[in-house]
C-alpha atoms as a PDB file:
ATOM      1  CA  MET A   1       0.101  -4.457 -20.686  1.00  0.00           C
ATOM      2  CA  LYS A   2      -2.369  -5.076 -17.958  1.00  0.00           C
ATOM      3  CA  VAL A   3      -1.950  -4.688 -14.196  1.00  0.00           C
ATOM      4  CA  VAL A   4      -4.091  -5.645 -11.246  1.00  0.00           C
ATOM      5  CA  ILE A   5      -3.257  -3.354  -8.342  1.00  0.00           C
ATOM      6  CA  GLN A   6      -4.206  -4.134  -4.766  1.00  0.00           C
ATOM      7  CA  ARG A   7      -3.637  -1.631  -1.998  1.00  0.00           C
ATOM      8  CA  CYS A   8      -2.101  -3.649   0.811  1.00  0.00           C
ATOM      9  CA  LYS A   9      -0.960  -3.452   4.393  1.00  0.00           C
ATOM     10  CA  ASN A  10       1.638  -6.127   3.610  1.00  0.00           C
ATOM     11  CA  ALA A  11       2.411  -8.650   0.908  1.00  0.00           C
ATOM     12  CA  GLN A  12       4.950 -11.325   0.110  1.00  0.00           C
ATOM     13  CA  VAL A  13       5.857 -13.822  -2.576  1.00  0.00           C
ATOM     14  CA  THR A  14       7.414 -17.209  -1.885  1.00  0.00           C
ATOM     15  CA  VAL A  15       9.196 -19.565  -4.279  1.00  0.00           C
ATOM     16  CA  ASN A  16      10.070 -23.086  -3.087  1.00  0.00           C
ATOM     17  CA  GLU A  17       9.137 -22.091   0.484  1.00  0.00           C
ATOM     18  CA  GLU A  18      11.615 -19.164   0.423  1.00  0.00           C
ATOM     19  CA  VAL A  19      10.399 -15.573   0.651  1.00  0.00           C
ATOM     20  CA  VAL A  20      11.819 -13.747  -2.384  1.00  0.00           C
ATOM     21  CA  GLY A  21       9.920 -10.452  -2.026  1.00  0.00           C
ATOM     22  CA  ARG A  22       8.159  -8.755   0.874  1.00  0.00           C
ATOM     23  CA  ILE A  23       6.680  -5.305   1.503  1.00  0.00           C
ATOM     24  CA  GLY A  24       4.748  -3.457   4.174  1.00  0.00           C
ATOM     25  CA  GLU A  25       2.224  -0.777   3.184  1.00  0.00           C
ATOM     26  CA  GLY A  26       1.987  -0.211  -0.530  1.00  0.00           C
ATOM     27  CA  LEU A  27       0.800  -1.914  -3.689  1.00  0.00           C
ATOM     28  CA  MET A  28       0.690  -5.530  -4.762  1.00  0.00           C
ATOM     29  CA  VAL A  29       0.883  -5.392  -8.576  1.00  0.00           C
ATOM     30  CA  LEU A  30       0.207  -8.352 -10.859  1.00  0.00           C
ATOM     31  CA  VAL A  31       1.687  -7.627 -14.306  1.00  0.00           C
ATOM     32  CA  GLY A  32       0.661  -9.190 -17.615  1.00  0.00           C
ATOM     33  CA  VAL A  33       2.210  -8.563 -21.031  1.00  0.00           C
ATOM     34  CA  THR A  34       0.639  -9.175 -24.446  1.00  0.00           C
ATOM     35  CA  HIS A  35       2.181  -9.411 -27.926  1.00  0.00           C
ATOM     36  CA  GLU A  36       1.694  -5.783 -29.012  1.00  0.00           C
ATOM     37  CA  ASP A  37       3.156  -4.234 -25.862  1.00  0.00           C
ATOM     38  CA  GLU A  38       6.210  -2.028 -26.076  1.00  0.00           C
ATOM     39  CA  GLU A  39       8.195   0.538 -24.086  1.00  0.00           C
ATOM     40  CA  LYS A  40       5.403   3.151 -24.230  1.00  0.00           C
ATOM     41  CA  ASP A  41       3.091   0.706 -22.421  1.00  0.00           C
ATOM     42  CA  VAL A  42       5.731   0.224 -19.720  1.00  0.00           C
ATOM     43  CA  LYS A  43       6.094   3.979 -19.174  1.00  0.00           C
ATOM     44  CA  TYR A  44       2.334   4.588 -19.207  1.00  0.00           C
ATOM     45  CA  LEU A  45       1.620   1.930 -16.594  1.00  0.00           C
ATOM     46  CA  ALA A  46       4.590   2.817 -14.380  1.00  0.00           C
ATOM     47  CA  ASP A  47       3.379   6.434 -14.297  1.00  0.00           C
ATOM     48  CA  LYS A  48      -0.185   5.326 -13.543  1.00  0.00           C
ATOM     49  CA  VAL A  49       0.827   2.896 -10.796  1.00  0.00           C
ATOM     50  CA  ALA A  50       3.230   5.317  -9.096  1.00  0.00           C
ATOM     51  CA  GLY A  51       0.770   8.207  -9.196  1.00  0.00           C
ATOM     52  CA  LEU A  52      -2.534   6.407  -8.620  1.00  0.00           C
ATOM     53  CA  ARG A  53      -4.259   8.168  -5.725  1.00  0.00           C
ATOM     54  CA  ILE A  54      -5.784   5.287  -3.767  1.00  0.00           C
ATOM     55  CA  PHE A  55      -4.451   5.974  -0.263  1.00  0.00           C
ATOM     56  CA  GLU A  56      -6.592   8.021   2.091  1.00  0.00           C
ATOM     57  CA  ASP A  57      -5.790  11.433   3.507  1.00  0.00           C
ATOM     58  CA  GLU A  58      -6.823  12.709   6.937  1.00  0.00           C
ATOM     59  CA  HIS A  59     -10.375  13.235   5.595  1.00  0.00           C
ATOM     60  CA  GLU A  60     -10.637   9.611   4.386  1.00  0.00           C
ATOM     61  CA  LYS A  61     -10.490  10.734   0.732  1.00  0.00           C
ATOM     62  CA  MET A  62      -8.306   8.824  -1.704  1.00  0.00           C
ATOM     63  CA  ASN A  63      -5.820  11.626  -2.337  1.00  0.00           C
ATOM     64  CA  PHE A  64      -2.417  10.006  -1.848  1.00  0.00           C
ATOM     65  CA  SER A  65      -0.338   7.818  -4.143  1.00  0.00           C
ATOM     66  CA  VAL A  66       2.109   5.102  -3.131  1.00  0.00           C
ATOM     67  CA  GLN A  67       4.842   7.699  -3.668  1.00  0.00           C
ATOM     68  CA  ASP A  68       3.095  10.155  -1.325  1.00  0.00           C
ATOM     69  CA  ILE A  69       2.967   7.639   1.524  1.00  0.00           C
ATOM     70  CA  SER A  70       6.521   6.335   0.889  1.00  0.00           C
ATOM     71  CA  GLY A  71       5.015   2.924   0.254  1.00  0.00           C
ATOM     72  CA  ALA A  72       6.538  -0.011  -1.589  1.00  0.00           C
ATOM     73  CA  ILE A  73       5.559  -2.166  -4.526  1.00  0.00           C
ATOM     74  CA  LEU A  74       5.522  -5.946  -4.802  1.00  0.00           C
ATOM     75  CA  SER A  75       5.489  -6.687  -8.541  1.00  0.00           C
ATOM     76  CA  VAL A  76       4.656 -10.193  -9.739  1.00  0.00           C
ATOM     77  CA  SER A  77       4.574 -11.350 -13.361  1.00  0.00           C
ATOM     78  CA  GLN A  78       1.199 -12.867 -14.237  1.00  0.00           C
ATOM     79  CA  PHE A  79       0.657 -14.195 -17.765  1.00  0.00           C
ATOM     80  CA  THR A  80      -2.761 -15.519 -16.758  1.00  0.00           C
ATOM     81  CA  LEU A  81      -4.104 -11.935 -16.870  1.00  0.00           C
ATOM     82  CA  TYR A  82      -4.374 -12.599 -20.602  1.00  0.00           C
ATOM     83  CA  GLY A  83      -6.351 -15.816 -20.202  1.00  0.00           C
ATOM     84  CA  ASP A  84      -9.292 -16.084 -22.579  1.00  0.00           C
ATOM     85  CA  SER A  85     -12.136 -18.193 -21.206  1.00  0.00           C
ATOM     86  CA  ARG A  86     -14.851 -17.268 -23.702  1.00  0.00           C
ATOM     87  CA  LYS A  87     -14.878 -20.770 -25.217  1.00  0.00           C
ATOM     88  CA  GLY A  88     -15.055 -23.905 -23.145  1.00  0.00           C
ATOM     89  CA  LYS A  89     -13.970 -24.252 -19.551  1.00  0.00           C
ATOM     90  CA  ARG A  90     -10.189 -24.123 -19.949  1.00  0.00           C
ATOM     91  CA  PRO A  91      -8.716 -20.686 -20.667  1.00  0.00           C
ATOM     92  CA  ASN A  92      -6.184 -20.259 -23.442  1.00  0.00           C
ATOM     93  CA  PHE A  93      -3.262 -17.932 -23.004  1.00  0.00           C
ATOM     94  CA  MET A  94      -2.476 -17.188 -26.637  1.00  0.00           C
ATOM     95  CA  ALA A  95      -2.809 -13.436 -26.005  1.00  0.00           C
ATOM     96  CA  ALA A  96       0.049 -13.512 -23.480  1.00  0.00           C
ATOM     97  CA  ALA A  97       3.435 -12.475 -24.838  1.00  0.00           C
ATOM     98  CA  LYS A  98       6.176 -15.066 -25.259  1.00  0.00           C
ATOM     99  CA  PRO A  99       8.375 -15.356 -22.149  1.00  0.00           C
ATOM    100  CA  ASP A 100      11.427 -13.545 -23.574  1.00  0.00           C
ATOM    101  CA  LYS A 101       9.423 -10.443 -24.526  1.00  0.00           C
ATOM    102  CA  ALA A 102       7.269 -10.574 -21.400  1.00  0.00           C
ATOM    103  CA  GLU A 103      10.286 -10.785 -19.095  1.00  0.00           C
ATOM    104  CA  MET A 104      12.040  -7.897 -20.845  1.00  0.00           C
ATOM    105  CA  LEU A 105       8.999  -5.595 -20.494  1.00  0.00           C
ATOM    106  CA  TYR A 106       8.230  -6.777 -16.955  1.00  0.00           C
ATOM    107  CA  GLU A 107      11.783  -5.945 -15.861  1.00  0.00           C
ATOM    108  CA  ALA A 108      11.582  -2.569 -17.651  1.00  0.00           C
ATOM    109  CA  PHE A 109       8.343  -1.833 -15.759  1.00  0.00           C
ATOM    110  CA  ASN A 110      10.044  -2.584 -12.443  1.00  0.00           C
ATOM    111  CA  ARG A 111      13.036  -0.378 -13.360  1.00  0.00           C
ATOM    112  CA  GLU A 112      10.676   2.493 -14.255  1.00  0.00           C
ATOM    113  CA  LEU A 113       9.002   2.228 -10.849  1.00  0.00           C
ATOM    114  CA  ALA A 114      12.366   2.094  -9.048  1.00  0.00           C
ATOM    115  CA  ALA A 115      13.543   5.139 -11.025  1.00  0.00           C
ATOM    116  CA  LYS A 116      10.623   7.030  -9.460  1.00  0.00           C
ATOM    117  CA  GLY A 117      12.160   6.398  -6.044  1.00  0.00           C
ATOM    118  CA  LEU A 118       9.921   3.489  -5.101  1.00  0.00           C
ATOM    119  CA  GLN A 119      11.088   0.367  -3.296  1.00  0.00           C
ATOM    120  CA  VAL A 120      10.244  -2.457  -5.712  1.00  0.00           C
ATOM    121  CA  GLU A 121      10.257  -6.082  -4.628  1.00  0.00           C
ATOM    122  CA  THR A 122       9.510  -8.856  -7.110  1.00  0.00           C
ATOM    123  CA  GLY A 123       8.706 -12.485  -7.524  1.00  0.00           C
ATOM    124  CA  VAL A 124      10.710 -14.755  -9.837  1.00  0.00           C
ATOM    125  CA  PHE A 125       9.683 -14.507 -13.482  1.00  0.00           C
ATOM    126  CA  GLY A 126       8.254 -17.798 -14.753  1.00  0.00           C
ATOM    127  CA  ALA A 127       8.405 -19.549 -11.374  1.00  0.00           C
ATOM    128  CA  MET A 128       5.540 -21.167  -9.500  1.00  0.00           C
ATOM    129  CA  MET A 129       4.913 -18.608  -6.762  1.00  0.00           C
ATOM    130  CA  ASP A 130       2.792 -18.365  -3.656  1.00  0.00           C
ATOM    131  CA  VAL A 131       1.552 -14.807  -3.156  1.00  0.00           C
ATOM    132  CA  SER A 132      -0.071 -13.544   0.019  1.00  0.00           C
ATOM    133  CA  LEU A 133      -1.277 -10.124   1.033  1.00  0.00           C
ATOM    134  CA  THR A 134      -3.566  -8.224   3.318  1.00  0.00           C
ATOM    135  CA  ASN A 135      -5.706  -6.214   0.899  1.00  0.00           C
ATOM    136  CA  TRP A 136      -6.335  -2.875   2.578  1.00  0.00           C
ATOM    137  CA  GLY A 137      -9.891  -1.689   2.101  1.00  0.00           C
ATOM    138  CA  PRO A 138     -10.230  -3.830   0.045  1.00  0.00           C
ATOM    139  CA  VAL A 139      -9.052  -1.720  -2.882  1.00  0.00           C
ATOM    140  CA  THR A 140      -8.364  -3.412  -6.225  1.00  0.00           C
ATOM    141  CA  ILE A 141      -7.874  -1.566  -9.525  1.00  0.00           C
ATOM    142  CA  ILE A 142      -7.294  -3.013 -13.019  1.00  0.00           C
ATOM    143  CA  ILE A 143      -5.509  -0.900 -15.636  1.00  0.00           C
ATOM    144  CA  ASP A 144      -4.877  -1.917 -19.244  1.00  0.00           C
ATOM    145  CA  SER A 145      -2.495   0.233 -21.291  1.00  0.00           C
ATOM    146  CA  ARG A 146      -4.540  -0.551 -24.409  1.00  0.00           C
ATOM    147  CA  ASN A 147      -7.946   0.614 -23.077  1.00  0.00           C
END
């Protein structure tokens, strides 16, 4: 699994001009799943995301996690994280997991985060979504459970 995490002041996802998920301060998380991923990848990334210390303390040091600041998470499925553009100009997405597996692990990831006491908002799996956020910093981190 691979996630792109953006520390945000606010974020929202819209499907068919309807807001389906919205948060204030917290993390915007794009989530990609590949063929080999399993439950251990879900747990690893949920622990990393929940505990990642990228929020500043009173000394402007990144010492606080999203849990520490009582922040929220907007989680959006993103198969294009596994796009391969090494050949040609059009990426292929053969490394992305099939939708049934990807949705199962994506939902498990969101449940793991919620079980840690976090407010988790989501997009709609497989839908065409418009995502907007105010990236705070900017701070953007990429984590791959396989690296």
